Every structure is written in structure tokens, then in C-alpha cells.
Amino acid sequence: MSFFSHHDLHQFLALYGYWAIAFLVALESMGIPLPGETILIIAAGYVGTHGGNLGLIILSAASGAIVGDNIGYLVGRKLGARFLKTYGSKIGLTLGRIKLGQYLFMRYGTSVVFIGRFIAVLRVLAAFLAGANQMAWPRFLAANAAGAIVWASLVGTGAYTFGHEFHQIRGPIGIATAAAATAALIWIALYIRRHEAEMQQAAEKALPDPID
């Protein structure tokens, strides 16, 4: 984020150590746009050149991601779902479309939560959306924990191995990933728009009870 310089993050990391990593990653995972991934890269790159415990850095980032995502999920489940039911019609989200969202998360939520950990925008939204769409918590927790551990391990190991150069590598990778994710979301939106009626029928068949 532009309001956090690398110097600020270095100082924060020096003051609070592993807790700084867990804290920023958790806040980012709760939906607050903070540089959680950046502080993981800085910390792992530092121990790669100065020595330190990479395992604890990965553990701190993964733990922060799991805790933050679960808080985001609970907020989405308690407040997001209520908001959609109360005000959704004002923005075109009928009860049928809300149920369709729940149906899509029932079928594909595991992939959304896992892959979302690797995409900047989805990283701060996936947990909230999973909660708002009533994704079953055990499925969410399993996908979330797997995504957090793989993400922290890959990013942490990459920064540890390549050091400062990882920032240059991560930038183009992040842009390419974001572009691919955007293209996929557009395709999904167009597909749903064309097949909305039949998909709503499938959602109604799979979820016949009224929306909670």
C-alpha cells in the first residue's frame, strides 16, 4: 500500500518481529487493505541474507492468514448475509440471486477460497464472500488453511531464495495473475448472465429451504 513504505515495514518488523508478520497478514485477511504479503517477503528476504528462522516466518504468516480469514468469514456470515437479504434487492440481488450465490459457493467455494489466497483482490474478499454466501465452515476452514500454508510457504521460500530480486519477479507474476483472474471473473459473469435462469433452478433444487 502506498501509505506504508518499505522503511516503515522494516521498522515495524524490527520492533515486533514475528508478531508483526502475523498481525499485518491477519488484518489484510480480514478485509483491511494492508501489505501483509509485502511484510512476509521482506522478512523472508532478510533471513535469507542475514540469517534467521524461515520456518517461524512461514508459520507466523500462515497463522495470521488463517485467523484473519476466519474472522472475515464470521463477519461475512453474520453481517454480510443479513445485508444481502435486507438490501440486496436495491442493487439487483433478488432472493433467487442470493440463493444462486450460495449454490455457487456450495459447489466451487473450496477453489475460490484456496485460489483467492494468491490473488491480491480476492485475498481481502474471499473469506467475507464465503461467509456471506453461507459456505459451510468446515469446508471453508480446510480450504483456507491449505491455501494459507501453501501461500506462506511459496512466497516465503521464494523471497528467502531470491532475496531482493523476488520483488522484481513477484511484480510481473502478480500482474499476470491479476489479469488472468480478471479475465476469468468476466467469463464467469457472462456465463452466469446467459445461464442465470437454469442455474437458479439448479440452486433452488439443491437448496429448497428459505434463505436463513
C-alpha atoms as a PDB file:
ATOM      1  CA  MET A   1       0.000   0.000   0.000  1.00  0.00           C
ATOM      2  CA  SER A   2       1.209   3.496  -0.810  1.00  0.00           C
ATOM      3  CA  PHE A   3       0.835   4.711   2.807  1.00  0.00           C
ATOM      4  CA  PHE A   4       3.341   2.068   4.002  1.00  0.00           C
ATOM      5  CA  SER A   5       6.896   2.471   2.721  1.00  0.00           C
ATOM      6  CA  HIS A   6       9.382  -0.386   2.858  1.00  0.00           C
ATOM      7  CA  HIS A   7      11.233   1.607   5.513  1.00  0.00           C
ATOM      8  CA  ASP A   8       8.078   1.691   7.669  1.00  0.00           C
ATOM      9  CA  LEU A   9       7.623  -2.053   7.275  1.00  0.00           C
ATOM     10  CA  HIS A  10      11.265  -2.745   8.130  1.00  0.00           C
ATOM     11  CA  GLN A  11      10.903  -0.684  11.326  1.00  0.00           C
ATOM     12  CA  PHE A  12       7.633  -2.391  12.255  1.00  0.00           C
ATOM     13  CA  LEU A  13       9.258  -5.768  11.667  1.00  0.00           C
ATOM     14  CA  ALA A  14      12.324  -4.822  13.721  1.00  0.00           C
ATOM     15  CA  LEU A  15      10.133  -3.690  16.631  1.00  0.00           C
ATOM     16  CA  TYR A  16       7.655  -6.558  16.772  1.00  0.00           C
ATOM     17  CA  GLY A  17       9.326  -9.461  14.965  1.00  0.00           C
ATOM     18  CA  TYR A  18       7.184 -12.460  14.078  1.00  0.00           C
ATOM     19  CA  TRP A  19       4.114 -10.832  15.645  1.00  0.00           C
ATOM     20  CA  ALA A  20       4.346  -8.048  13.045  1.00  0.00           C
ATOM     21  CA  ILE A  21       4.018 -10.592  10.239  1.00  0.00           C
ATOM     22  CA  ALA A  22       1.062 -12.387  11.813  1.00  0.00           C
ATOM     23  CA  PHE A  23      -0.655  -9.100  12.686  1.00  0.00           C
ATOM     24  CA  LEU A  24      -0.450  -7.470   9.252  1.00  0.00           C
ATOM     25  CA  VAL A  25      -1.329 -10.673   7.406  1.00  0.00           C
ATOM     26  CA  ALA A  26      -4.324 -11.207   9.717  1.00  0.00           C
ATOM     27  CA  LEU A  27      -5.613  -7.666   9.182  1.00  0.00           C
ATOM     28  CA  GLU A  28      -5.214  -7.994   5.410  1.00  0.00           C
ATOM     29  CA  SER A  29      -7.082 -11.312   5.525  1.00  0.00           C
ATOM     30  CA  MET A  30      -9.919  -9.692   7.483  1.00  0.00           C
ATOM     31  CA  GLY A  31     -10.506  -7.359   4.535  1.00  0.00           C
ATOM     32  CA  ILE A  32      -8.348  -4.384   5.538  1.00  0.00           C
ATOM     33  CA  PRO A  33      -6.082  -3.414   2.596  1.00  0.00           C
ATOM     34  CA  LEU A  34      -2.694  -3.683   4.330  1.00  0.00           C
ATOM     35  CA  PRO A  35       0.610  -5.030   2.917  1.00  0.00           C
ATOM     36  CA  GLY A  36       0.544  -8.473   4.537  1.00  0.00           C
ATOM     37  CA  GLU A  37       2.275 -10.221   1.656  1.00  0.00           C
ATOM     38  CA  THR A  38       4.907  -7.481   1.403  1.00  0.00           C
ATOM     39  CA  ILE A  39       5.987  -7.837   5.027  1.00  0.00           C
ATOM     40  CA  LEU A  40       6.244 -11.620   4.517  1.00  0.00           C
ATOM     41  CA  ILE A  41       8.543 -11.023   1.526  1.00  0.00           C
ATOM     42  CA  ILE A  42      10.661  -8.500   3.448  1.00  0.00           C
ATOM     43  CA  ALA A  43      11.023 -10.793   6.469  1.00  0.00           C
ATOM     44  CA  ALA A  44      11.856 -13.904   4.422  1.00  0.00           C
ATOM     45  CA  GLY A  45      14.301 -11.968   2.235  1.00  0.00           C
ATOM     46  CA  TYR A  46      16.027 -10.610   5.345  1.00  0.00           C
ATOM     47  CA  VAL A  47      16.629 -14.015   6.928  1.00  0.00           C
ATOM     48  CA  GLY A  48      17.845 -15.258   3.544  1.00  0.00           C
ATOM     49  CA  THR A  49      20.712 -12.760   3.632  1.00  0.00           C
ATOM     50  CA  HIS A  50      21.240 -12.179   7.372  1.00  0.00           C
ATOM     51  CA  GLY A  51      20.226 -15.489   8.912  1.00  0.00           C
ATOM     52  CA  GLY A  52      17.141 -16.385  10.915  1.00  0.00           C
ATOM     53  CA  ASN A  53      14.325 -18.878  11.125  1.00  0.00           C
ATOM     54  CA  LEU A  54      12.374 -19.088   7.862  1.00  0.00           C
ATOM     55  CA  GLY A  55      10.069 -21.721   9.355  1.00  0.00           C
ATOM     56  CA  LEU A  56       8.825 -19.324  12.055  1.00  0.00           C
ATOM     57  CA  ILE A  57       8.231 -16.620   9.436  1.00  0.00           C
ATOM     58  CA  ILE A  58       6.135 -19.001   7.337  1.00  0.00           C
ATOM     59  CA  LEU A  59       4.301 -20.201  10.445  1.00  0.00           C
ATOM     60  CA  SER A  60       3.562 -16.597  11.513  1.00  0.00           C
ATOM     61  CA  ALA A  61       2.215 -15.654   8.071  1.00  0.00           C
ATOM     62  CA  ALA A  62       0.112 -18.811   7.729  1.00  0.00           C
ATOM     63  CA  SER A  63      -1.293 -18.437  11.257  1.00  0.00           C
ATOM     64  CA  GLY A  64      -2.149 -14.782  10.669  1.00  0.00           C
ATOM     65  CA  ALA A  65      -3.858 -15.668   7.386  1.00  0.00           C
ATOM     66  CA  ILE A  66      -5.952 -18.436   8.970  1.00  0.00           C
ATOM     67  CA  VAL A  67      -7.027 -16.323  11.957  1.00  0.00           C
ATOM     68  CA  GLY A  68      -7.775 -13.235   9.856  1.00  0.00           C
ATOM     69  CA  ASP A  69      -9.697 -15.184   7.229  1.00  0.00           C
ATOM     70  CA  ASN A  70     -11.844 -16.878   9.853  1.00  0.00           C
ATOM     71  CA  ILE A  71     -12.719 -13.506  11.377  1.00  0.00           C
ATOM     72  CA  GLY A  72     -13.571 -12.222   7.890  1.00  0.00           C
ATOM     73  CA  TYR A  73     -15.707 -15.323   7.320  1.00  0.00           C
ATOM     74  CA  LEU A  74     -17.625 -14.751  10.567  1.00  0.00           C
ATOM     75  CA  VAL A  75     -18.234 -11.092   9.713  1.00  0.00           C
ATOM     76  CA  GLY A  76     -19.498 -12.130   6.282  1.00  0.00           C
ATOM     77  CA  ARG A  77     -21.729 -14.848   7.734  1.00  0.00           C
ATOM     78  CA  LYS A  78     -23.251 -12.632  10.446  1.00  0.00           C
ATOM     79  CA  LEU A  79     -23.399  -9.226   8.752  1.00  0.00           C
ATOM     80  CA  GLY A  80     -22.863  -9.822   5.031  1.00  0.00           C
ATOM     81  CA  ALA A  81     -25.681 -12.329   4.646  1.00  0.00           C
ATOM     82  CA  ARG A  82     -28.060 -10.098   6.633  1.00  0.00           C
ATOM     83  CA  PHE A  83     -27.095  -7.100   4.495  1.00  0.00           C
ATOM     84  CA  LEU A  84     -27.707  -9.031   1.263  1.00  0.00           C
ATOM     85  CA  LYS A  85     -31.101 -10.236   2.442  1.00  0.00           C
ATOM     86  CA  THR A  86     -32.180  -6.777   3.651  1.00  0.00           C
ATOM     87  CA  TYR A  87     -30.720  -4.509   0.977  1.00  0.00           C
ATOM     88  CA  GLY A  88     -29.836  -6.872  -1.866  1.00  0.00           C
ATOM     89  CA  SER A  89     -32.993  -6.059  -3.834  1.00  0.00           C
ATOM     90  CA  LYS A  90     -31.925  -2.423  -4.010  1.00  0.00           C
ATOM     91  CA  ILE A  91     -28.836  -3.420  -6.009  1.00  0.00           C
ATOM     92  CA  GLY A  92     -30.474  -6.106  -8.117  1.00  0.00           C
ATOM     93  CA  LEU A  93     -29.769  -9.064  -5.840  1.00  0.00           C
ATOM     94  CA  THR A  94     -33.110 -10.836  -5.607  1.00  0.00           C
ATOM     95  CA  LEU A  95     -33.589 -13.748  -3.208  1.00  0.00           C
ATOM     96  CA  GLY A  96     -33.106 -16.051  -6.204  1.00  0.00           C
ATOM     97  CA  ARG A  97     -29.735 -14.494  -6.986  1.00  0.00           C
ATOM     98  CA  ILE A  98     -28.672 -14.641  -3.343  1.00  0.00           C
ATOM     99  CA  LYS A  99     -29.525 -18.331  -3.306  1.00  0.00           C
ATOM    100  CA  LEU A 100     -27.584 -18.721  -6.567  1.00  0.00           C
ATOM    101  CA  GLY A 101     -24.532 -17.215  -4.841  1.00  0.00           C
ATOM    102  CA  GLN A 102     -24.909 -19.721  -2.006  1.00  0.00           C
ATOM    103  CA  TYR A 103     -25.230 -22.538  -4.529  1.00  0.00           C
ATOM    104  CA  LEU A 104     -22.071 -21.446  -6.376  1.00  0.00           C
ATOM    105  CA  PHE A 105     -20.098 -21.307  -3.128  1.00  0.00           C
ATOM    106  CA  MET A 106     -21.512 -24.688  -2.166  1.00  0.00           C
ATOM    107  CA  ARG A 107     -20.113 -26.143  -5.406  1.00  0.00           C
ATOM    108  CA  TYR A 108     -16.993 -24.066  -6.060  1.00  0.00           C
ATOM    109  CA  GLY A 109     -16.259 -22.314  -2.768  1.00  0.00           C
ATOM    110  CA  THR A 110     -13.292 -24.549  -1.940  1.00  0.00           C
ATOM    111  CA  SER A 111     -11.496 -23.496  -5.124  1.00  0.00           C
ATOM    112  CA  VAL A 112     -12.410 -19.814  -4.655  1.00  0.00           C
ATOM    113  CA  VAL A 113     -11.063 -19.733  -1.096  1.00  0.00           C
ATOM    114  CA  PHE A 114      -7.872 -21.633  -1.936  1.00  0.00           C
ATOM    115  CA  ILE A 115      -7.024 -19.721  -5.132  1.00  0.00           C
ATOM    116  CA  GLY A 116      -8.112 -16.408  -3.619  1.00  0.00           C
ATOM    117  CA  ARG A 117      -5.162 -16.544  -1.212  1.00  0.00           C
ATOM    118  CA  PHE A 118      -2.814 -15.987  -4.195  1.00  0.00           C
ATOM    119  CA  ILE A 119      -4.686 -13.051  -5.797  1.00  0.00           C
ATOM    120  CA  ALA A 120      -4.435  -9.628  -4.150  1.00  0.00           C
ATOM    121  CA  VAL A 121      -8.056  -8.510  -4.506  1.00  0.00           C
ATOM    122  CA  LEU A 122      -9.565 -11.895  -3.661  1.00  0.00           C
ATOM    123  CA  ARG A 123      -7.207 -12.245  -0.704  1.00  0.00           C
ATOM    124  CA  VAL A 124      -9.110  -9.486   1.135  1.00  0.00           C
ATOM    125  CA  LEU A 125     -12.585 -10.552  -0.106  1.00  0.00           C
ATOM    126  CA  ALA A 126     -12.754 -14.334  -0.406  1.00  0.00           C
ATOM    127  CA  ALA A 127     -13.337 -15.062   3.295  1.00  0.00           C
ATOM    128  CA  PHE A 128     -16.049 -12.409   3.614  1.00  0.00           C
ATOM    129  CA  LEU A 129     -17.798 -13.639   0.463  1.00  0.00           C
ATOM    130  CA  ALA A 130     -17.609 -17.245   1.679  1.00  0.00           C
ATOM    131  CA  GLY A 131     -19.297 -16.247   4.929  1.00  0.00           C
ATOM    132  CA  ALA A 132     -21.897 -14.042   3.257  1.00  0.00           C
ATOM    133  CA  ASN A 133     -22.784 -16.898   0.903  1.00  0.00           C
ATOM    134  CA  GLN A 134     -23.137 -19.365   3.792  1.00  0.00           C
ATOM    135  CA  MET A 135     -20.291 -21.661   2.767  1.00  0.00           C
ATOM    136  CA  ALA A 136     -20.049 -24.492   5.304  1.00  0.00           C
ATOM    137  CA  TRP A 137     -17.393 -23.589   7.873  1.00  0.00           C
ATOM    138  CA  PRO A 138     -15.541 -26.959   7.911  1.00  0.00           C
ATOM    139  CA  ARG A 139     -15.077 -26.742   4.107  1.00  0.00           C
ATOM    140  CA  PHE A 140     -14.023 -23.116   4.393  1.00  0.00           C
ATOM    141  CA  LEU A 141     -11.530 -23.870   7.170  1.00  0.00           C
ATOM    142  CA  ALA A 142      -9.921 -26.742   5.248  1.00  0.00           C
ATOM    143  CA  ALA A 143      -9.564 -24.740   2.015  1.00  0.00           C
ATOM    144  CA  ASN A 144      -8.452 -21.640   3.898  1.00  0.00           C
ATOM    145  CA  ALA A 145      -5.795 -23.443   5.949  1.00  0.00           C
ATOM    146  CA  ALA A 146      -4.447 -25.252   2.868  1.00  0.00           C
ATOM    147  CA  GLY A 147      -4.287 -22.016   0.876  1.00  0.00           C
ATOM    148  CA  ALA A 148      -2.642 -20.102   3.736  1.00  0.00           C
ATOM    149  CA  ILE A 149       0.052 -22.748   4.293  1.00  0.00           C
ATOM    150  CA  VAL A 150       0.860 -23.151   0.584  1.00  0.00           C
ATOM    151  CA  TRP A 151       0.851 -19.364   0.018  1.00  0.00           C
ATOM    152  CA  ALA A 152       3.099 -18.596   3.004  1.00  0.00           C
ATOM    153  CA  SER A 153       5.466 -21.440   2.061  1.00  0.00           C
ATOM    154  CA  LEU A 154       5.781 -20.462  -1.607  1.00  0.00           C
ATOM    155  CA  VAL A 155       6.093 -16.720  -1.064  1.00  0.00           C
ATOM    156  CA  GLY A 156       8.349 -17.089   1.965  1.00  0.00           C
ATOM    157  CA  THR A 157      10.643 -19.609   0.290  1.00  0.00           C
ATOM    158  CA  GLY A 158      10.765 -17.547  -2.900  1.00  0.00           C
ATOM    159  CA  ALA A 159      11.780 -14.398  -1.026  1.00  0.00           C
ATOM    160  CA  TYR A 160      14.276 -16.366   1.088  1.00  0.00           C
ATOM    161  CA  THR A 161      15.872 -17.884  -2.026  1.00  0.00           C
ATOM    162  CA  PHE A 162      15.915 -14.878  -4.360  1.00  0.00           C
ATOM    163  CA  GLY A 163      16.110 -12.036  -1.824  1.00  0.00           C
ATOM    164  CA  HIS A 164      15.557  -8.521  -3.204  1.00  0.00           C
ATOM    165  CA  GLU A 165      15.152  -9.884  -6.741  1.00  0.00           C
ATOM    166  CA  PHE A 166      11.943 -11.604  -5.648  1.00  0.00           C
ATOM    167  CA  HIS A 167      10.225  -8.184  -5.569  1.00  0.00           C
ATOM    168  CA  GLN A 168      11.035  -7.795  -9.263  1.00  0.00           C
ATOM    169  CA  ILE A 169       9.829 -11.326 -10.010  1.00  0.00           C
ATOM    170  CA  ARG A 170       6.689 -11.020  -7.864  1.00  0.00           C
ATOM    171  CA  GLY A 171       5.558  -7.813  -9.582  1.00  0.00           C
ATOM    172  CA  PRO A 172       5.093  -9.244 -13.102  1.00  0.00           C
ATOM    173  CA  ILE A 173       3.732 -12.507 -11.664  1.00  0.00           C
ATOM    174  CA  GLY A 174       1.182 -10.543  -9.645  1.00  0.00           C
ATOM    175  CA  ILE A 175       0.127  -8.508 -12.668  1.00  0.00           C
ATOM    176  CA  ALA A 176      -0.230 -11.624 -14.834  1.00  0.00           C
ATOM    177  CA  THR A 177      -2.196 -13.401 -12.103  1.00  0.00           C
ATOM    178  CA  ALA A 178      -4.483 -10.407 -11.629  1.00  0.00           C
ATOM    179  CA  ALA A 179      -5.083 -10.167 -15.374  1.00  0.00           C
ATOM    180  CA  ALA A 180      -5.883 -13.875 -15.612  1.00  0.00           C
ATOM    181  CA  ALA A 181      -8.201 -13.629 -12.591  1.00  0.00           C
ATOM    182  CA  THR A 182      -9.974 -10.601 -14.081  1.00  0.00           C
ATOM    183  CA  ALA A 183     -10.470 -12.402 -17.391  1.00  0.00           C
ATOM    184  CA  ALA A 184     -11.799 -15.457 -15.549  1.00  0.00           C
ATOM    185  CA  LEU A 185     -14.232 -13.352 -13.488  1.00  0.00           C
ATOM    186  CA  ILE A 186     -15.531 -11.621 -16.626  1.00  0.00           C
ATOM    187  CA  TRP A 187     -16.041 -15.000 -18.305  1.00  0.00           C
ATOM    188  CA  ILE A 188     -17.842 -16.337 -15.229  1.00  0.00           C
ATOM    189  CA  ALA A 189     -20.063 -13.233 -15.032  1.00  0.00           C
ATOM    190  CA  LEU A 190     -21.019 -13.554 -18.711  1.00  0.00           C
ATOM    191  CA  TYR A 191     -21.673 -17.271 -18.332  1.00  0.00           C
ATOM    192  CA  ILE A 192     -23.906 -16.736 -15.299  1.00  0.00           C
ATOM    193  CA  ARG A 193     -25.775 -13.957 -17.080  1.00  0.00           C
ATOM    194  CA  ARG A 194     -26.515 -16.214 -20.067  1.00  0.00           C
ATOM    195  CA  HIS A 195     -27.492 -19.235 -17.975  1.00  0.00           C
ATOM    196  CA  GLU A 196     -28.915 -17.500 -14.901  1.00  0.00           C
ATOM    197  CA  ALA A 197     -32.423 -18.965 -15.152  1.00  0.00           C
ATOM    198  CA  GLU A 198     -31.316 -22.589 -15.383  1.00  0.00           C
ATOM    199  CA  MET A 199     -28.663 -22.066 -12.714  1.00  0.00           C
ATOM    200  CA  GLN A 200     -31.273 -20.574 -10.382  1.00  0.00           C
ATOM    201  CA  GLN A 201     -33.413 -23.665 -10.956  1.00  0.00           C
ATOM    202  CA  ALA A 202     -30.454 -25.853 -10.026  1.00  0.00           C
ATOM    203  CA  ALA A 203     -29.835 -23.682  -6.948  1.00  0.00           C
ATOM    204  CA  GLU A 204     -33.480 -23.985  -5.896  1.00  0.00           C
ATOM    205  CA  LYS A 205     -33.341 -27.755  -6.330  1.00  0.00           C
ATOM    206  CA  ALA A 206     -30.130 -28.034  -4.307  1.00  0.00           C
ATOM    207  CA  LEU A 207     -31.251 -25.514  -1.644  1.00  0.00           C
ATOM    208  CA  PRO A 208     -35.050 -25.816  -1.389  1.00  0.00           C
ATOM    209  CA  ASP A 209     -35.319 -24.261   2.075  1.00  0.00           C
ATOM    210  CA  PRO A 210     -35.877 -20.498   2.530  1.00  0.00           C
ATOM    211  CA  ILE A 211     -32.745 -18.368   2.941  1.00  0.00           C
ATOM    212  CA  ASP A 212     -31.667 -18.187   6.595  1.00  0.00           C
END
